[in-house]
Amino acid sequence: MCGQNIIPSWLGWYLHAGHLTAIVAVPVLVFNVFPDMFSLLGRMVICMVHTIMLLKLWSYVQVNHWCRDAREARRRNIRGRSLSFRNLGSEKVLAGE
């Protein structure tokens, strides 16, 4: 949605930050609420999977940000039609001035 400019980039950044925080916080909360539910190896695997998801999503957010910035830079640098001195006079004649 940020890539298509449906929502502003600042709101997208806050949504991504909240999502990444939830990815890190959920395993910690579950481990504290249910301390006997997972073994040490299980906790390690769960934390590893969540850490990898966090890094992948962070990379995704950064690449999308770079692509949006590049697209905006290209859009700003697109120039309109140049007029030479010879064409300038003929356009005034065509416009009725």
C-alpha atoms as a PDB file:
ATOM      1  CA  MET A   1       0.000   0.000   0.000  1.00  0.00           C
ATOM      2  CA  CYS A   2       2.915   2.357   0.599  1.00  0.00           C
ATOM      3  CA  GLY A   3       4.419   1.492  -2.772  1.00  0.00           C
ATOM      4  CA  GLN A   4       1.256   2.573  -4.571  1.00  0.00           C
ATOM      5  CA  ASN A   5       0.922   5.726  -2.403  1.00  0.00           C
ATOM      6  CA  ILE A   6      -2.417   4.583  -0.966  1.00  0.00           C
ATOM      7  CA  ILE A   7      -1.237   5.474   2.536  1.00  0.00           C
ATOM      8  CA  PRO A   8       1.423   8.079   3.394  1.00  0.00           C
ATOM      9  CA  SER A   9       4.966   6.861   3.914  1.00  0.00           C
ATOM     10  CA  TRP A  10       5.125   8.051   7.539  1.00  0.00           C
ATOM     11  CA  LEU A  11       2.048   5.972   8.417  1.00  0.00           C
ATOM     12  CA  GLY A  12       3.546   2.987   6.609  1.00  0.00           C
ATOM     13  CA  TRP A  13       6.738   3.390   8.603  1.00  0.00           C
ATOM     14  CA  TYR A  14       4.804   3.338  11.891  1.00  0.00           C
ATOM     15  CA  LEU A  15       2.809   0.291  10.778  1.00  0.00           C
ATOM     16  CA  HIS A  16       6.005  -1.544   9.828  1.00  0.00           C
ATOM     17  CA  ALA A  17       7.654  -0.591  13.125  1.00  0.00           C
ATOM     18  CA  GLY A  18       4.620  -1.858  15.065  1.00  0.00           C
ATOM     19  CA  HIS A  19       4.577  -5.081  13.080  1.00  0.00           C
ATOM     20  CA  LEU A  20       8.290  -5.688  13.641  1.00  0.00           C
ATOM     21  CA  THR A  21       7.912  -4.949  17.348  1.00  0.00           C
ATOM     22  CA  ALA A  22       5.067  -7.467  17.545  1.00  0.00           C
ATOM     23  CA  ILE A  23       7.209 -10.102  15.820  1.00  0.00           C
ATOM     24  CA  VAL A  24       9.889  -9.677  18.489  1.00  0.00           C
ATOM     25  CA  ALA A  25       7.517  -9.283  21.454  1.00  0.00           C
ATOM     26  CA  VAL A  26       5.120 -12.195  20.826  1.00  0.00           C
ATOM     27  CA  PRO A  27       7.603 -15.007  21.580  1.00  0.00           C
ATOM     28  CA  VAL A  28       8.805 -13.237  24.720  1.00  0.00           C
ATOM     29  CA  LEU A  29       5.255 -12.787  25.973  1.00  0.00           C
ATOM     30  CA  VAL A  30       4.292 -16.386  25.185  1.00  0.00           C
ATOM     31  CA  PHE A  31       7.408 -17.730  26.915  1.00  0.00           C
ATOM     32  CA  ASN A  32       6.620 -15.684  30.032  1.00  0.00           C
ATOM     33  CA  VAL A  33       2.912 -16.563  30.127  1.00  0.00           C
ATOM     34  CA  PHE A  34       3.477 -20.298  29.514  1.00  0.00           C
ATOM     35  CA  PRO A  35       6.915 -21.018  31.032  1.00  0.00           C
ATOM     36  CA  ASP A  36       6.623 -24.823  30.949  1.00  0.00           C
ATOM     37  CA  MET A  37       5.173 -25.133  27.453  1.00  0.00           C
ATOM     38  CA  PHE A  38       8.462 -25.079  25.467  1.00  0.00           C
ATOM     39  CA  SER A  39      11.820 -26.730  26.044  1.00  0.00           C
ATOM     40  CA  LEU A  40      15.047 -24.770  25.767  1.00  0.00           C
ATOM     41  CA  LEU A  41      15.660 -26.130  22.261  1.00  0.00           C
ATOM     42  CA  GLY A  42      12.114 -25.226  21.219  1.00  0.00           C
ATOM     43  CA  ARG A  43      12.533 -21.693  22.547  1.00  0.00           C
ATOM     44  CA  MET A  44      15.803 -21.344  20.685  1.00  0.00           C
ATOM     45  CA  VAL A  45      14.243 -22.471  17.392  1.00  0.00           C
ATOM     46  CA  ILE A  46      11.252 -20.153  17.843  1.00  0.00           C
ATOM     47  CA  CYS A  47      13.504 -17.186  18.634  1.00  0.00           C
ATOM     48  CA  MET A  48      15.701 -18.003  15.631  1.00  0.00           C
ATOM     49  CA  VAL A  49      12.685 -18.158  13.282  1.00  0.00           C
ATOM     50  CA  HIS A  50      11.308 -14.873  14.615  1.00  0.00           C
ATOM     51  CA  THR A  51      14.711 -13.200  14.303  1.00  0.00           C
ATOM     52  CA  ILE A  52      15.018 -14.323  10.678  1.00  0.00           C
ATOM     53  CA  MET A  53      11.477 -13.064   9.961  1.00  0.00           C
ATOM     54  CA  LEU A  54      12.362  -9.729  11.556  1.00  0.00           C
ATOM     55  CA  LEU A  55      15.480  -9.354   9.401  1.00  0.00           C
ATOM     56  CA  LYS A  56      13.661 -10.360   6.199  1.00  0.00           C
ATOM     57  CA  LEU A  57      10.818  -7.925   6.816  1.00  0.00           C
ATOM     58  CA  TRP A  58      13.247  -5.132   7.738  1.00  0.00           C
ATOM     59  CA  SER A  59      15.100  -5.752   4.470  1.00  0.00           C
ATOM     60  CA  TYR A  60      11.788  -5.713   2.580  1.00  0.00           C
ATOM     61  CA  VAL A  61      10.838  -2.366   4.145  1.00  0.00           C
ATOM     62  CA  GLN A  62      14.215  -0.835   3.295  1.00  0.00           C
ATOM     63  CA  VAL A  63      14.200  -2.024  -0.332  1.00  0.00           C
ATOM     64  CA  ASN A  64      10.664  -0.696  -0.821  1.00  0.00           C
ATOM     65  CA  HIS A  65      11.758   2.635   0.651  1.00  0.00           C
ATOM     66  CA  TRP A  66      14.713   2.824  -1.750  1.00  0.00           C
ATOM     67  CA  CYS A  67      12.474   1.956  -4.722  1.00  0.00           C
ATOM     68  CA  ARG A  68       9.921   4.622  -3.745  1.00  0.00           C
ATOM     69  CA  ASP A  69      12.695   7.203  -3.374  1.00  0.00           C
ATOM     70  CA  ALA A  70      14.159   6.283  -6.771  1.00  0.00           C
ATOM     71  CA  ARG A  71      10.722   6.491  -8.400  1.00  0.00           C
ATOM     72  CA  GLU A  72      10.099   9.908  -6.823  1.00  0.00           C
ATOM     73  CA  ALA A  73      13.531  11.128  -7.965  1.00  0.00           C
ATOM     74  CA  ARG A  74      12.812   9.972 -11.530  1.00  0.00           C
ATOM     75  CA  ARG A  75       9.416  11.651 -11.441  1.00  0.00           C
ATOM     76  CA  ARG A  76      10.962  14.929 -10.263  1.00  0.00           C
ATOM     77  CA  ASN A  77      13.694  14.824 -12.908  1.00  0.00           C
ATOM     78  CA  ILE A  78      11.389  14.289 -15.870  1.00  0.00           C
ATOM     79  CA  ARG A  79      11.584  17.409 -17.937  1.00  0.00           C
ATOM     80  CA  GLY A  80       8.909  18.805 -20.140  1.00  0.00           C
ATOM     81  CA  ARG A  81       9.310  19.574 -23.818  1.00  0.00           C
ATOM     82  CA  SER A  82      12.112  22.005 -24.572  1.00  0.00           C
ATOM     83  CA  LEU A  83      11.405  24.873 -26.870  1.00  0.00           C
ATOM     84  CA  SER A  84      13.992  26.315 -29.142  1.00  0.00           C
ATOM     85  CA  PHE A  85      13.938  29.971 -30.056  1.00  0.00           C
ATOM     86  CA  ARG A  86      12.541  29.114 -33.498  1.00  0.00           C
ATOM     87  CA  ASN A  87       9.638  27.047 -32.036  1.00  0.00           C
ATOM     88  CA  LEU A  88       8.857  29.688 -29.435  1.00  0.00           C
ATOM     89  CA  GLY A  89       7.758  32.226 -32.049  1.00  0.00           C
ATOM     90  CA  SER A  90       5.629  29.710 -33.969  1.00  0.00           C
ATOM     91  CA  GLU A  91       3.754  28.701 -30.811  1.00  0.00           C
ATOM     92  CA  LYS A  92       2.831  32.320 -30.144  1.00  0.00           C
ATOM     93  CA  VAL A  93       1.438  32.555 -33.659  1.00  0.00           C
ATOM     94  CA  LEU A  94      -0.554  29.323 -33.176  1.00  0.00           C
ATOM     95  CA  ALA A  95      -1.895  30.486 -29.827  1.00  0.00           C
ATOM     96  CA  GLY A  96      -3.331  33.615 -31.468  1.00  0.00           C
ATOM     97  CA  GLU A  97      -1.102  36.191 -29.802  1.00  0.00           C
END
